[in-house]
């Protein structure tokens, strides 16, 4: 069970980074240095693949319902945490 939780959390963390990088590329980098925009776009694509890797790995060892139930659990927990925080853009 702990591996399913670890892989699910790793996927979740990577997915959040993917979202933040997408915002950075589309909003912040628009009209700026093209080389940096491409760098962050490529970093975004890598992080997206990374997130999916963890789900694929978890599904190799655990039931689909168990993996996605854990992801839903993490989504609910994150929503509660984020609602209590001041808004700011950040990457880890």
C-alpha atoms as a PDB file:
ATOM      1  CA  UNK A   1       0.000   0.000   0.000  1.00  0.00           C
ATOM      2  CA  UNK A   2       2.739   2.526   0.786  1.00  0.00           C
ATOM      3  CA  UNK A   3       4.173   2.304  -2.742  1.00  0.00           C
ATOM      4  CA  UNK A   4       0.777   3.135  -4.227  1.00  0.00           C
ATOM      5  CA  UNK A   5       0.628   6.173  -1.967  1.00  0.00           C
ATOM      6  CA  UNK A   6       4.180   7.224  -2.817  1.00  0.00           C
ATOM      7  CA  UNK A   7       3.688   6.875  -6.573  1.00  0.00           C
ATOM      8  CA  UNK A   8       0.347   8.663  -6.413  1.00  0.00           C
ATOM      9  CA  UNK A   9       1.859  11.536  -4.453  1.00  0.00           C
ATOM     10  CA  UNK A  10       4.788  11.761  -6.877  1.00  0.00           C
ATOM     11  CA  UNK A  11       2.373  11.971  -9.799  1.00  0.00           C
ATOM     12  CA  UNK A  12       0.325  14.584  -8.023  1.00  0.00           C
ATOM     13  CA  UNK A  13       3.350  16.722  -7.221  1.00  0.00           C
ATOM     14  CA  UNK A  14       4.594  16.518 -10.816  1.00  0.00           C
ATOM     15  CA  UNK A  15       1.153  17.376 -12.163  1.00  0.00           C
ATOM     16  CA  UNK A  16       1.061  20.542 -10.061  1.00  0.00           C
ATOM     17  CA  UNK A  17       4.460  21.566 -11.435  1.00  0.00           C
ATOM     18  CA  UNK A  18       3.149  20.942 -14.930  1.00  0.00           C
ATOM     19  CA  UNK A  19       0.246  23.316 -14.309  1.00  0.00           C
ATOM     20  CA  UNK A  20       2.513  26.025 -12.956  1.00  0.00           C
ATOM     21  CA  UNK A  21       4.955  25.706 -15.841  1.00  0.00           C
ATOM     22  CA  UNK A  22       2.095  25.931 -18.346  1.00  0.00           C
ATOM     23  CA  UNK A  23       1.026  29.225 -16.740  1.00  0.00           C
ATOM     24  CA  UNK A  24       4.584  30.489 -16.834  1.00  0.00           C
ATOM     25  CA  UNK A  25       4.975  29.656 -20.528  1.00  0.00           C
ATOM     26  CA  UNK A  26       1.613  31.004 -21.656  1.00  0.00           C
ATOM     27  CA  UNK A  27       1.350  34.115 -19.495  1.00  0.00           C
ATOM     28  CA  UNK A  28       4.708  35.263 -18.229  1.00  0.00           C
ATOM     29  CA  UNK A  29       6.893  34.309 -21.174  1.00  0.00           C
ATOM     30  CA  UNK A  30       4.563  35.667 -23.866  1.00  0.00           C
ATOM     31  CA  UNK A  31       6.427  38.281 -25.859  1.00  0.00           C
ATOM     32  CA  UNK A  32       9.679  37.746 -23.972  1.00  0.00           C
ATOM     33  CA  UNK A  33      12.946  36.015 -24.762  1.00  0.00           C
ATOM     34  CA  UNK A  34      12.091  33.218 -27.218  1.00  0.00           C
ATOM     35  CA  UNK A  35      14.961  31.024 -26.064  1.00  0.00           C
ATOM     36  CA  UNK A  36      13.723  31.090 -22.466  1.00  0.00           C
ATOM     37  CA  UNK A  37      10.130  30.510 -23.558  1.00  0.00           C
ATOM     38  CA  UNK A  38      11.219  27.393 -25.468  1.00  0.00           C
ATOM     39  CA  UNK A  39      13.282  26.246 -22.467  1.00  0.00           C
ATOM     40  CA  UNK A  40      10.284  26.472 -20.127  1.00  0.00           C
ATOM     41  CA  UNK A  41       7.969  24.908 -22.714  1.00  0.00           C
ATOM     42  CA  UNK A  42      10.325  21.934 -22.988  1.00  0.00           C
ATOM     43  CA  UNK A  43      10.586  21.733 -19.208  1.00  0.00           C
ATOM     44  CA  UNK A  44       6.780  21.702 -19.060  1.00  0.00           C
ATOM     45  CA  UNK A  45       6.612  18.801 -21.552  1.00  0.00           C
ATOM     46  CA  UNK A  46       9.197  16.837 -19.571  1.00  0.00           C
ATOM     47  CA  UNK A  47       7.338  17.373 -16.306  1.00  0.00           C
ATOM     48  CA  UNK A  48       4.056  16.257 -17.925  1.00  0.00           C
ATOM     49  CA  UNK A  49       5.662  12.995 -19.056  1.00  0.00           C
ATOM     50  CA  UNK A  50       7.162  12.589 -15.600  1.00  0.00           C
ATOM     51  CA  UNK A  51       3.746  12.912 -13.937  1.00  0.00           C
ATOM     52  CA  UNK A  52       2.198  10.294 -16.210  1.00  0.00           C
ATOM     53  CA  UNK A  53       5.084   7.907 -15.559  1.00  0.00           C
ATOM     54  CA  UNK A  54       4.118   7.661 -11.885  1.00  0.00           C
ATOM     55  CA  UNK A  55       0.517   6.759 -12.697  1.00  0.00           C
ATOM     56  CA  UNK A  56       1.650   4.155 -15.220  1.00  0.00           C
ATOM     57  CA  UNK A  57       4.035   2.696 -12.657  1.00  0.00           C
ATOM     58  CA  UNK A  58       1.385   2.562  -9.931  1.00  0.00           C
ATOM     59  CA  UNK A  59      -1.042   0.889 -12.331  1.00  0.00           C
ATOM     60  CA  UNK A  60       1.543  -1.834 -12.986  1.00  0.00           C
ATOM     61  CA  UNK A  61       1.279  -2.932  -9.348  1.00  0.00           C
ATOM     62  CA  UNK A  62      -2.064  -1.734  -8.038  1.00  0.00           C
ATOM     63  CA  UNK A  63      -5.692  -1.761  -9.041  1.00  0.00           C
ATOM     64  CA  UNK A  64      -6.947   1.150 -11.166  1.00  0.00           C
ATOM     65  CA  UNK A  65      -9.582   2.085  -8.593  1.00  0.00           C
ATOM     66  CA  UNK A  66      -7.042   2.124  -5.756  1.00  0.00           C
ATOM     67  CA  UNK A  67      -4.639   4.382  -7.658  1.00  0.00           C
ATOM     68  CA  UNK A  68      -7.288   6.866  -8.743  1.00  0.00           C
ATOM     69  CA  UNK A  69      -8.954   6.864  -5.321  1.00  0.00           C
ATOM     70  CA  UNK A  70      -5.622   7.936  -3.860  1.00  0.00           C
ATOM     71  CA  UNK A  71      -5.285  10.701  -6.452  1.00  0.00           C
ATOM     72  CA  UNK A  72      -8.764  11.953  -5.565  1.00  0.00           C
ATOM     73  CA  UNK A  73      -7.850  11.870  -1.881  1.00  0.00           C
ATOM     74  CA  UNK A  74      -4.774  13.991  -2.603  1.00  0.00           C
ATOM     75  CA  UNK A  75      -6.843  16.415  -4.687  1.00  0.00           C
ATOM     76  CA  UNK A  76      -9.245  16.986  -1.804  1.00  0.00           C
ATOM     77  CA  UNK A  77      -6.409  17.431   0.696  1.00  0.00           C
ATOM     78  CA  UNK A  78      -4.611  19.898  -1.565  1.00  0.00           C
ATOM     79  CA  UNK A  79      -7.804  21.908  -2.090  1.00  0.00           C
ATOM     80  CA  UNK A  80      -8.182  22.336   1.673  1.00  0.00           C
ATOM     81  CA  UNK A  81      -4.549  23.418   2.045  1.00  0.00           C
ATOM     82  CA  UNK A  82      -4.601  25.817  -0.897  1.00  0.00           C
ATOM     83  CA  UNK A  83      -7.802  27.498   0.258  1.00  0.00           C
ATOM     84  CA  UNK A  84      -6.020  28.440   3.477  1.00  0.00           C
ATOM     85  CA  UNK A  85      -2.989  29.971   1.728  1.00  0.00           C
ATOM     86  CA  UNK A  86      -2.505  33.434   0.262  1.00  0.00           C
ATOM     87  CA  UNK A  87      -2.409  33.413  -3.541  1.00  0.00           C
ATOM     88  CA  UNK A  88       1.035  33.537  -5.199  1.00  0.00           C
ATOM     89  CA  UNK A  89       2.695  31.975  -8.206  1.00  0.00           C
ATOM     90  CA  UNK A  90       5.533  29.572  -7.434  1.00  0.00           C
ATOM     91  CA  UNK A  91       7.439  26.522  -8.630  1.00  0.00           C
ATOM     92  CA  UNK A  92       9.114  23.890  -6.505  1.00  0.00           C
END
